[in-house]
Structure formats: C-alpha cells, structure tokens
Amino acid sequence: MKIVIIVPTYNERENIVPLMTKLKEQFRHIAHDMHILVVDDNSPDGTGEVVRKETEYNKNVHLLSGSKMGLGAAYIRGMRYALGELKADVVFEIDADLSHKPSDVPQMVAALEDGADFVIGSRYVVGGSLPVEWGLLRRLISKVGNIVARYLAGMYKIRDCTAGFRAIRASLLKCIDLGNLRVQGYAFQVALLHRALMLGAKVREIPVDFIDRTHGKSKLGLSDIVEFIINAWWIRLQSSRTFIKFVIVGASGIVVNLGFFTLFIEQGLSKFLASPIAIELSIISNFLLNNYWTFQWRQAGDSVHVKGLKFNAVSILSLGLSYGMFVGLSIMYPKAVPQVHQLLSIAPALLTNYFLNSYWTFKKGANVVGHHAEERQKDDNGNRFGRKLDTLELPDLTLKLSDRESSRL
C-alpha cells in the first residue's frame, strides 16, 4: 500500500522537523510505501521553507502550500492531492505539534491490514489518555466536545469522534464528496467520520496517549467551537429521520402546552398552577406520539408499562427543569406575557425528554438491526461504500455490517 501521512501546518517551524524525523524512523518498521505530505497555510514563521528544503533530498516528503482557511480546508486540500497526484491507498491525519506519537502509526497500519476502513487513534478507549498537564477546564472542553459529537450527531458507539489522529482507506475517501462537507475548521473531523459511517465503513479505535504541545500555540478558536456545534446540529437535522419526527412531535407538544395553558388561564386558574399541568399534558402527548410513531420501529424489549415508568421518571425531571425556569423568568420579568415565559421554559424539557427517552426509555434492543436502513447501493467505483444510513441508527448497524463484510475488504 502507498500510505500518505498528511500534516497540516501553520507556524509549526519548531515542531515539523522533529515530527518528520520521528515519522521516518517508524517507516523503517512498516512494510509499505510511506510518504509525508505537509499542507502548509503559508506560515509566516517559515514552516513551508523548512519543509521545502527537506523535499530536495527526500522524495517521500511533499509540500503543498495554500491560503489559511482552517484545519478542515487544509485536510481537504491535502486529501485531494494525496488521492489525485500521489495515488495514495491510505491517508493519515496527524497533528504537527507532536501531540500524536509517531510510534503509534505502525499499530494503526496493522488495524488497516486487519480489515478496518477507518482507524482512530482514540483518547477515550481503555488504554488511551489525555495529557496529565491539562487542567479541569481543558479536559472539560475536550470531553464535552466529544459528547456533543457522539450524542448530538448520533455517533454514540464511537468513543472519540473528535480525534485528529486517523488512518483512512482511499477507497472510502473517494466515495465522499469532501467539498460537500461544508466545513473549514475542526468540525471537519466530525463531518468526515459521520459520512464514513453513513457509507458503512468499518471503524476501529486504537488507544493512544495524547501529548500536550511544548512549542507554539493551539489554533483552536471560538469560531471553530461555534462551527463545531452548528455542524453537529446540522448533521442531526439533515440525516436523522428519527430526530425530525421527534421535532415534529415536540412542535405538537408546544401547541398542546400553550393551548391548555391559555385555556386554564382564561378559566381563572393561577398561572403557577396552570403551567405544570399544561407541561404534564404536553409531555404525555409527546410520549404517546413518540411511542407509537417516532420510535415504534425500535423493539426496545421493555413492555409498555416499563417504558411508561421510565417515561414518568424522565417527565418528573423535565417538569422540574421547565417549571423552575418558568418560575425564574416570572420572578425576573413579572410584567412580561406569561405565555412567553411558558414558551421559553419548554426548551429544557424538550431537550431533556429527547436525550433521556431516546437513549433510555426507547433504547433499541441488542438484537435489532436498524429498521430504516436504505438498500445498499454500489458507488461509481464499484466498491462497497455506497450505503446511506439514518444517523440515529448508524452505530449498531455499521458494526453488524462491518463484521459480516470484512472478508470482502
């Protein structure tokens, strides 16, 4: 196999030479045609010039320069070059700041040889770790970001969705319209992984130790975080029919909630009593519609009575959150229209209901294969990556398909 390791850089002059040296040391232990492709965003510190000198006497090192448009844009540029010009069979992603250990590359290559399509150097599987130097805030940001990607974008079987240390088969990448991912920053990692799962890729996570950089500064900015969150929501809205159904049910619940709330107010009932009653009625309405429509294809294994008890527990929590917000808003803004407070207080109840009911009350049974998977279609290259799956059902179905079809890789 021809393997191209893509290294995106911006002001990494102090790190790039040690990284290339360590990578080349590992290449001696890998029985494949190994290459390094540095994608430099015209670094002011001269990173590109350092790499250019390296290319003069090392034919396995390549430089691709361009404008600074974000991590995702750099990877897309690099992947297109690796596939089109270098004819790569496998593409790696790795950070330039030495936070990913080059000594982990051989075991990731071995996972590909064992049949994987997409290998992740994972911090969150057993054996992986975060830097001990990180404080509580940095650990929290990392873990929360990963949780958002796993549960909001529907990839909850993958432990590390935001990892930047990856190995991906070219046959898989060729079936992904990279430009259509519509991301430029760090959200690229989540978007690419999600698309790979949609195509039925066999994903394997290898434990790695993530090392904190010693030179230079992190490029993660507020705009990257905003794009990341928006992209996670967009993946859910675009791809998950289950979530769309849930949103429709939620909208009907808002009508039920506000309708009964207004009716009770007009009948002279105190707004502080009318609010929890209206909330409970809307929650019951949502449960019935979700049970018999949104999640009816999930053979959860629990009886209706057990699901009802679980739902009731979730309802109590949701009711408390929603009512607490209603009371708080009423105290802070006593002159505002009560319906406005009621509408705003619906949000925490809706989100709490979705996540707890989706992943607990209506959790899919272990022996159920995704009911809404579309028929497999072969792509123009004739390979097996052509499947489009419902986001919420991706993990279970993907793993079952991969086990069954791994012999065809």
Protein backbone atom coordinates (compact mmCIF):
# COMPACT_ATOMS: atom_id res chain seq x y z
CA MET A 1 0.00 0.00 0.00
CA LYS A 2 1.02 3.57 -0.61
CA ILE A 3 0.35 5.47 2.61
CA VAL A 4 0.42 9.26 2.75
CA ILE A 5 0.54 10.97 6.15
CA ILE A 6 -0.99 14.44 5.89
CA VAL A 7 0.35 17.06 8.29
CA PRO A 8 -1.48 20.42 8.22
CA THR A 9 0.73 23.27 9.47
CA TYR A 10 0.55 26.92 10.40
CA ASN A 11 3.53 28.34 12.29
CA GLU A 12 4.93 24.93 13.28
CA ARG A 13 8.58 25.56 12.38
CA GLU A 14 9.85 24.26 15.71
CA ASN A 15 7.80 21.07 15.54
CA ILE A 16 7.79 19.98 11.92
CA VAL A 17 11.40 18.73 11.65
CA PRO A 18 11.25 16.61 14.86
CA LEU A 19 7.93 15.19 13.69
CA MET A 20 9.23 14.23 10.24
CA THR A 21 12.35 12.69 11.79
CA LYS A 22 10.29 10.53 14.16
CA LEU A 23 7.90 9.51 11.40
CA LYS A 24 10.74 8.43 9.15
CA GLU A 25 12.14 6.32 11.99
CA GLN A 26 8.82 4.49 12.20
CA PHE A 27 8.69 4.00 8.42
CA ARG A 28 11.58 1.54 8.77
CA HIS A 29 9.25 -0.82 10.63
CA ILE A 30 6.36 -0.61 8.14
CA ALA A 31 6.37 -2.75 5.01
CA HIS A 32 4.57 -0.19 2.85
CA ASP A 33 5.42 2.79 0.66
CA MET A 34 5.30 5.59 3.25
CA HIS A 35 5.08 9.31 2.42
CA ILE A 36 4.68 12.61 4.30
CA LEU A 37 2.58 15.41 2.83
CA VAL A 38 2.86 18.73 4.67
CA VAL A 39 -0.04 21.07 3.90
CA ASP A 40 1.20 24.49 4.94
CA ASP A 41 -1.06 27.54 5.13
CA ASN A 42 1.69 29.98 4.10
CA SER A 43 3.10 30.08 7.64
CA PRO A 44 4.74 33.44 8.46
CA ASP A 45 7.38 31.66 10.57
CA GLY A 46 8.84 29.86 7.54
CA THR A 47 7.48 26.36 8.17
CA GLY A 48 6.99 25.89 4.45
CA GLU A 49 10.60 26.76 3.63
CA VAL A 50 11.87 24.24 6.17
CA VAL A 51 9.77 21.52 4.55
CA ARG A 52 10.75 22.62 1.04
CA LYS A 53 14.43 22.04 1.87
CA GLU A 54 13.52 18.56 3.14
CA THR A 55 11.81 17.71 -0.15
CA GLU A 56 15.03 18.45 -2.08
CA TYR A 57 16.76 15.32 -0.77
CA ASN A 58 13.85 13.16 0.40
CA LYS A 59 11.49 12.02 -2.35
CA ASN A 60 8.98 10.73 0.21
CA VAL A 61 8.35 14.20 1.65
CA HIS A 62 5.98 16.53 -0.20
CA LEU A 63 4.86 20.13 0.35
CA LEU A 64 1.50 21.63 -0.58
CA SER A 65 1.11 25.35 0.16
CA GLY A 66 -2.05 27.45 0.20
CA SER A 67 -4.03 30.16 1.94
CA LYS A 68 -5.08 29.82 5.58
CA MET A 69 -8.73 28.76 5.63
CA GLY A 70 -8.91 26.42 8.62
CA LEU A 71 -7.98 22.86 9.55
CA GLY A 72 -10.77 21.25 7.55
CA ALA A 73 -9.92 23.18 4.39
CA ALA A 74 -6.26 22.17 4.76
CA TYR A 75 -7.14 18.49 5.13
CA ILE A 76 -9.48 18.58 2.15
CA ARG A 77 -6.75 20.17 0.04
CA GLY A 78 -4.27 17.58 1.23
CA MET A 79 -6.57 14.61 0.71
CA ARG A 80 -7.39 15.64 -2.83
CA TYR A 81 -3.70 15.97 -3.60
CA ALA A 82 -2.85 12.65 -1.94
CA LEU A 83 -5.55 10.81 -3.87
CA GLY A 84 -5.14 12.58 -7.19
CA GLU A 85 -1.42 13.30 -7.51
CA LEU A 86 0.25 10.84 -5.15
CA LYS A 87 -2.21 7.96 -5.83
CA ALA A 88 -2.44 7.06 -2.15
CA ASP A 89 -4.12 3.86 -0.99
CA VAL A 90 -4.35 5.13 2.58
CA VAL A 91 -4.39 8.64 4.02
CA PHE A 92 -3.37 9.51 7.58
CA GLU A 93 -4.27 12.58 9.61
CA ILE A 94 -1.79 13.70 12.26
CA ASP A 95 -1.14 16.93 14.16
CA ALA A 96 2.11 18.78 13.55
CA ASP A 97 2.67 19.69 17.20
CA LEU A 98 3.81 16.19 18.29
CA SER A 99 0.64 15.67 20.32
CA HIS A 100 0.24 12.40 18.40
CA LYS A 101 3.05 9.90 18.88
CA PRO A 102 4.58 8.68 15.59
CA SER A 103 5.29 5.39 17.37
CA ASP A 104 1.53 4.70 17.21
CA VAL A 105 1.50 4.74 13.40
CA PRO A 106 2.54 1.05 12.99
CA GLN A 107 -0.35 -0.24 15.11
CA MET A 108 -2.80 1.88 13.14
CA VAL A 109 -1.43 0.48 9.89
CA ALA A 110 -1.82 -3.01 11.38
CA ALA A 111 -5.51 -2.27 12.04
CA LEU A 112 -5.94 -1.42 8.36
CA GLU A 113 -4.20 -4.65 7.40
CA ASP A 114 -6.65 -6.43 9.69
CA GLY A 115 -9.61 -5.15 7.66
CA ALA A 116 -10.51 -1.74 9.10
CA ASP A 117 -11.52 1.08 6.75
CA PHE A 118 -11.21 3.95 9.21
CA VAL A 119 -8.80 3.78 12.17
CA ILE A 120 -8.96 6.30 15.02
CA GLY A 121 -6.14 6.96 17.48
CA SER A 122 -8.52 7.21 20.42
CA ARG A 123 -8.04 9.02 23.72
CA TYR A 124 -11.26 7.67 25.21
CA VAL A 125 -11.00 3.90 24.87
CA VAL A 126 -9.31 1.77 27.52
CA GLY A 127 -5.57 2.44 27.34
CA GLY A 128 -5.90 5.93 25.84
CA SER A 129 -5.30 9.14 27.80
CA LEU A 130 -5.31 12.93 27.88
CA PRO A 131 -2.27 14.98 28.97
CA VAL A 132 -1.74 14.94 32.72
CA GLU A 133 -0.77 18.63 32.46
CA TRP A 134 -4.26 19.62 31.34
CA GLY A 135 -6.36 21.44 33.88
CA LEU A 136 -10.02 20.79 34.60
CA LEU A 137 -11.24 23.35 32.03
CA ARG A 138 -9.28 21.89 29.09
CA ARG A 139 -10.35 18.38 29.99
CA LEU A 140 -13.95 19.54 30.24
CA ILE A 141 -13.84 21.28 26.85
CA SER A 142 -12.38 18.16 25.22
CA LYS A 143 -14.86 15.75 26.78
CA VAL A 144 -17.91 17.96 26.28
CA GLY A 145 -16.99 18.45 22.62
CA ASN A 146 -16.73 14.71 22.19
CA ILE A 147 -20.04 14.13 23.95
CA VAL A 148 -21.73 16.66 21.66
CA ALA A 149 -20.37 14.83 18.61
CA ARG A 150 -21.28 11.36 19.91
CA TYR A 151 -24.82 12.01 21.07
CA LEU A 152 -25.99 15.04 19.12
CA ALA A 153 -24.64 13.83 15.77
CA GLY A 154 -25.74 10.27 16.54
CA MET A 155 -22.34 8.51 16.64
CA TYR A 156 -22.60 7.26 20.20
CA LYS A 157 -20.83 3.93 19.59
CA ILE A 158 -17.63 5.77 18.66
CA ARG A 159 -15.70 6.74 21.77
CA ASP A 160 -13.52 9.51 20.27
CA CYS A 161 -15.35 11.37 17.50
CA THR A 162 -13.12 14.46 17.55
CA ALA A 163 -9.71 12.79 17.37
CA GLY A 164 -7.28 14.21 14.83
CA PHE A 165 -5.13 11.07 14.56
CA ARG A 166 -6.64 8.84 11.88
CA ALA A 167 -5.94 6.42 9.03
CA ILE A 168 -8.50 6.16 6.22
CA ARG A 169 -8.65 3.97 3.13
CA ALA A 170 -8.58 5.83 -0.18
CA SER A 171 -11.44 3.66 -1.46
CA LEU A 172 -13.60 5.15 1.27
CA LEU A 173 -12.46 8.75 0.78
CA LYS A 174 -13.15 8.57 -2.96
CA CYS A 175 -16.82 7.96 -2.19
CA ILE A 176 -17.07 11.10 -0.04
CA ASP A 177 -17.68 14.49 -1.63
CA LEU A 178 -15.22 16.39 0.57
CA GLY A 179 -16.36 19.77 -0.70
CA ASN A 180 -19.93 18.94 0.23
CA LEU A 181 -18.99 18.59 3.90
CA ARG A 182 -19.25 22.40 4.08
CA VAL A 183 -16.85 22.80 6.98
CA GLN A 184 -13.50 24.53 7.21
CA GLY A 185 -12.41 24.26 10.84
CA TYR A 186 -12.19 21.50 13.44
CA ALA A 187 -15.78 20.43 12.68
CA PHE A 188 -14.30 18.66 9.66
CA GLN A 189 -13.31 15.71 11.85
CA VAL A 190 -16.88 15.04 12.93
CA ALA A 191 -18.36 15.62 9.47
CA LEU A 192 -15.89 13.22 7.82
CA LEU A 193 -16.41 10.47 10.40
CA HIS A 194 -20.18 10.80 10.12
CA ARG A 195 -20.05 10.48 6.33
CA ALA A 196 -17.82 7.40 6.62
CA LEU A 197 -20.32 5.77 8.97
CA MET A 198 -23.13 6.54 6.54
CA LEU A 199 -21.22 4.61 3.91
CA GLY A 200 -20.94 1.54 6.15
CA ALA A 201 -17.23 1.85 6.91
CA LYS A 202 -15.65 -0.48 9.44
CA VAL A 203 -14.29 1.83 12.14
CA ARG A 204 -11.73 0.69 14.69
CA GLU A 205 -10.36 2.68 17.63
CA ILE A 206 -6.79 2.17 18.83
CA PRO A 207 -5.81 3.52 22.28
CA VAL A 208 -3.24 6.35 22.17
CA ASP A 209 -1.77 8.81 24.63
CA PHE A 210 -2.44 12.41 23.63
CA ILE A 211 0.60 14.59 24.43
CA ASP A 212 0.37 18.33 25.13
CA ARG A 213 2.38 20.52 22.76
CA THR A 214 5.61 22.06 24.05
CA HIS A 215 6.17 24.61 21.25
CA GLY A 216 3.78 27.01 19.57
CA LYS A 217 0.13 27.78 20.29
CA SER A 218 -3.11 25.91 19.73
CA LYS A 219 -5.07 27.09 16.67
CA LEU A 220 -8.49 26.28 18.18
CA GLY A 221 -10.58 29.46 18.34
CA LEU A 222 -14.11 30.48 19.32
CA SER A 223 -15.24 30.39 15.68
CA ASP A 224 -14.12 26.74 15.47
CA ILE A 225 -16.20 25.86 18.54
CA VAL A 226 -19.28 27.61 17.13
CA GLU A 227 -18.86 25.87 13.76
CA PHE A 228 -18.41 22.54 15.52
CA ILE A 229 -21.69 22.86 17.46
CA ILE A 230 -23.63 24.10 14.43
CA ASN A 231 -22.27 21.27 12.30
CA ALA A 232 -23.27 18.66 14.89
CA TRP A 233 -26.82 20.00 14.87
CA TRP A 234 -26.83 20.17 11.08
CA ILE A 235 -25.78 16.53 10.81
CA ARG A 236 -28.64 15.56 13.07
CA LEU A 237 -31.21 17.64 11.20
CA GLN A 238 -30.06 16.53 7.75
CA SER A 239 -29.63 12.85 8.32
CA SER A 240 -31.85 11.66 11.13
CA ARG A 241 -35.44 10.95 10.23
CA THR A 242 -35.96 9.88 13.82
CA PHE A 243 -34.89 13.28 15.11
CA ILE A 244 -37.05 15.07 12.53
CA LYS A 245 -40.04 13.07 13.72
CA PHE A 246 -39.16 13.96 17.29
CA VAL A 247 -39.01 17.66 16.38
CA ILE A 248 -42.47 17.39 14.77
CA VAL A 249 -43.80 15.72 17.90
CA GLY A 250 -42.10 18.39 20.01
CA ALA A 251 -43.79 21.11 17.96
CA SER A 252 -47.17 19.47 18.54
CA GLY A 253 -46.32 19.35 22.24
CA ILE A 254 -45.73 23.10 22.22
CA VAL A 255 -49.21 23.60 20.75
CA VAL A 256 -50.72 21.31 23.40
CA ASN A 257 -48.76 23.06 26.14
CA LEU A 258 -49.61 26.63 25.19
CA GLY A 259 -53.18 25.70 24.23
CA PHE A 260 -54.05 24.18 27.61
CA PHE A 261 -52.06 26.84 29.46
CA THR A 262 -54.10 29.60 27.80
CA LEU A 263 -57.35 27.68 28.40
CA PHE A 264 -56.59 27.28 32.10
CA ILE A 265 -55.65 30.97 32.45
CA GLU A 266 -58.91 32.00 30.79
CA GLN A 267 -60.79 29.78 33.27
CA GLY A 268 -59.23 31.74 36.13
CA LEU A 269 -56.61 29.20 37.19
CA SER A 270 -53.41 30.61 38.67
CA LYS A 271 -50.60 30.72 36.14
CA PHE A 272 -48.32 28.96 38.62
CA LEU A 273 -50.71 26.01 38.72
CA ALA A 274 -51.67 26.16 35.06
CA SER A 275 -48.04 25.90 33.97
CA PRO A 276 -47.13 22.46 35.44
CA ILE A 277 -50.48 20.96 34.40
CA ALA A 278 -50.00 22.16 30.81
CA ILE A 279 -46.43 20.89 30.83
CA GLU A 280 -47.50 17.45 32.03
CA LEU A 281 -50.26 17.21 29.42
CA SER A 282 -47.80 18.10 26.65
CA ILE A 283 -45.29 15.53 27.95
CA ILE A 284 -47.96 12.82 27.92
CA SER A 285 -48.96 13.81 24.40
CA ASN A 286 -45.31 13.68 23.29
CA PHE A 287 -44.79 10.27 24.86
CA LEU A 288 -47.77 8.70 23.13
CA LEU A 289 -46.77 10.08 19.72
CA ASN A 290 -43.11 9.11 20.20
CA ASN A 291 -44.00 5.62 21.42
CA TYR A 292 -46.40 4.83 18.59
CA TRP A 293 -44.79 6.82 15.78
CA THR A 294 -41.26 8.21 16.27
CA PHE A 295 -39.76 5.14 17.95
CA GLN A 296 -42.31 2.48 17.02
CA TRP A 297 -39.72 0.57 14.93
CA ARG A 298 -37.45 0.20 17.97
CA GLN A 299 -38.13 -3.13 19.61
CA ALA A 300 -36.81 -1.93 22.92
CA GLY A 301 -37.51 -5.17 24.79
CA ASP A 302 -39.36 -3.38 27.60
CA SER A 303 -43.12 -3.62 27.99
CA VAL A 304 -45.28 -0.55 27.56
CA HIS A 305 -45.69 -0.42 31.34
CA VAL A 306 -41.93 -0.37 31.93
CA LYS A 307 -41.45 2.26 29.25
CA GLY A 308 -44.25 4.21 30.89
CA LEU A 309 -42.46 4.10 34.25
CA LYS A 310 -39.20 5.21 32.65
CA PHE A 311 -41.01 7.95 30.82
CA ASN A 312 -42.65 9.10 34.03
CA ALA A 313 -39.26 9.40 35.72
CA VAL A 314 -37.97 11.47 32.80
CA SER A 315 -41.16 13.55 32.89
CA ILE A 316 -40.65 14.44 36.55
CA LEU A 317 -37.12 15.66 35.83
CA SER A 318 -38.26 17.56 32.73
CA LEU A 319 -41.20 19.06 34.61
CA GLY A 320 -38.86 20.27 37.36
CA LEU A 321 -36.45 21.86 34.90
CA SER A 322 -39.19 23.50 32.88
CA TYR A 323 -41.22 24.71 35.84
CA GLY A 324 -38.11 26.02 37.58
CA MET A 325 -37.25 28.07 34.51
CA PHE A 326 -40.84 29.34 34.28
CA VAL A 327 -40.81 30.49 37.90
CA GLY A 328 -37.40 32.08 37.49
CA LEU A 329 -38.45 34.01 34.39
CA SER A 330 -41.69 35.09 36.07
CA ILE A 331 -39.76 36.49 39.03
CA MET A 332 -37.16 38.26 36.88
CA TYR A 333 -39.64 39.63 34.33
CA PRO A 334 -43.02 39.92 36.14
CA LYS A 335 -44.52 42.28 33.55
CA ALA A 336 -43.89 40.01 30.57
CA VAL A 337 -46.69 37.98 28.97
CA PRO A 338 -46.90 34.61 30.81
CA GLN A 339 -47.05 32.72 27.51
CA VAL A 340 -43.54 33.98 26.69
CA HIS A 341 -42.19 32.52 29.94
CA GLN A 342 -44.02 29.28 29.25
CA LEU A 343 -42.64 29.05 25.72
CA LEU A 344 -39.05 29.63 26.86
CA SER A 345 -39.39 27.08 29.64
CA ILE A 346 -40.34 24.39 27.12
CA ALA A 347 -36.78 24.18 25.71
CA PRO A 348 -35.08 22.38 28.64
CA ALA A 349 -37.99 19.94 28.92
CA LEU A 350 -37.85 19.17 25.19
CA LEU A 351 -34.09 18.51 25.12
CA THR A 352 -34.13 16.51 28.35
CA ASN A 353 -37.03 14.42 27.09
CA TYR A 354 -35.34 13.67 23.78
CA PHE A 355 -31.96 12.54 25.06
CA LEU A 356 -33.18 10.56 28.07
CA ASN A 357 -36.10 8.95 26.27
CA SER A 358 -34.12 8.24 23.11
CA TYR A 359 -31.15 6.64 24.88
CA TRP A 360 -33.02 5.08 27.82
CA THR A 361 -36.82 4.76 27.56
CA PHE A 362 -36.87 3.84 23.87
CA LYS A 363 -33.38 2.37 23.69
CA LYS A 364 -33.11 -0.11 20.85
CA GLY A 365 -32.84 -3.79 21.76
CA ALA A 366 -29.48 -5.52 21.28
CA ASN A 367 -30.74 -7.86 18.54
CA VAL A 368 -32.48 -5.25 16.44
CA VAL A 369 -30.83 -4.16 13.22
CA GLY A 370 -31.67 -0.63 12.02
CA HIS A 371 -35.15 -0.71 10.55
CA HIS A 372 -34.75 2.40 8.43
CA ALA A 373 -31.52 1.48 6.66
CA GLU A 374 -31.82 2.10 2.96
CA GLU A 375 -30.86 -0.54 0.43
CA ARG A 376 -27.17 -0.86 -0.26
CA GLN A 377 -26.02 0.79 -3.44
CA LYS A 378 -22.64 0.50 -5.10
CA ASP A 379 -20.85 3.68 -5.99
CA ASP A 380 -19.30 4.59 -9.33
CA ASN A 381 -16.05 2.91 -8.31
CA GLY A 382 -17.82 -0.40 -7.80
CA ASN A 383 -16.67 -0.75 -4.19
CA ARG A 384 -18.78 -1.47 -1.15
CA PHE A 385 -19.05 2.07 0.21
CA GLY A 386 -22.45 3.16 -1.01
CA ARG A 387 -24.77 2.79 1.94
CA LYS A 388 -26.68 5.69 3.43
CA LEU A 389 -27.94 5.14 6.94
CA ASP A 390 -30.15 7.00 9.34
CA THR A 391 -27.90 8.92 11.73
CA LEU A 392 -29.51 7.70 14.92
CA GLU A 393 -29.21 4.06 13.89
CA LEU A 394 -25.70 4.27 12.45
CA PRO A 395 -23.55 2.73 15.18
CA ASP A 396 -25.37 -0.58 15.73
CA LEU A 397 -25.96 -1.22 12.04
CA THR A 398 -22.48 -0.17 11.00
CA LEU A 399 -20.80 -2.62 13.35
CA LYS A 400 -23.01 -5.52 12.29
CA LEU A 401 -22.43 -4.86 8.60
CA SER A 402 -18.72 -4.47 9.08
CA ASP A 403 -18.37 -7.80 10.85
CA ARG A 404 -20.30 -9.53 8.12
CA GLU A 405 -18.49 -7.95 5.23
CA SER A 406 -14.93 -7.62 6.48
CA SER A 407 -13.83 -10.60 4.41
CA ARG A 408 -14.57 -8.61 1.25
CA LEU A 409 -12.00 -5.90 2.01
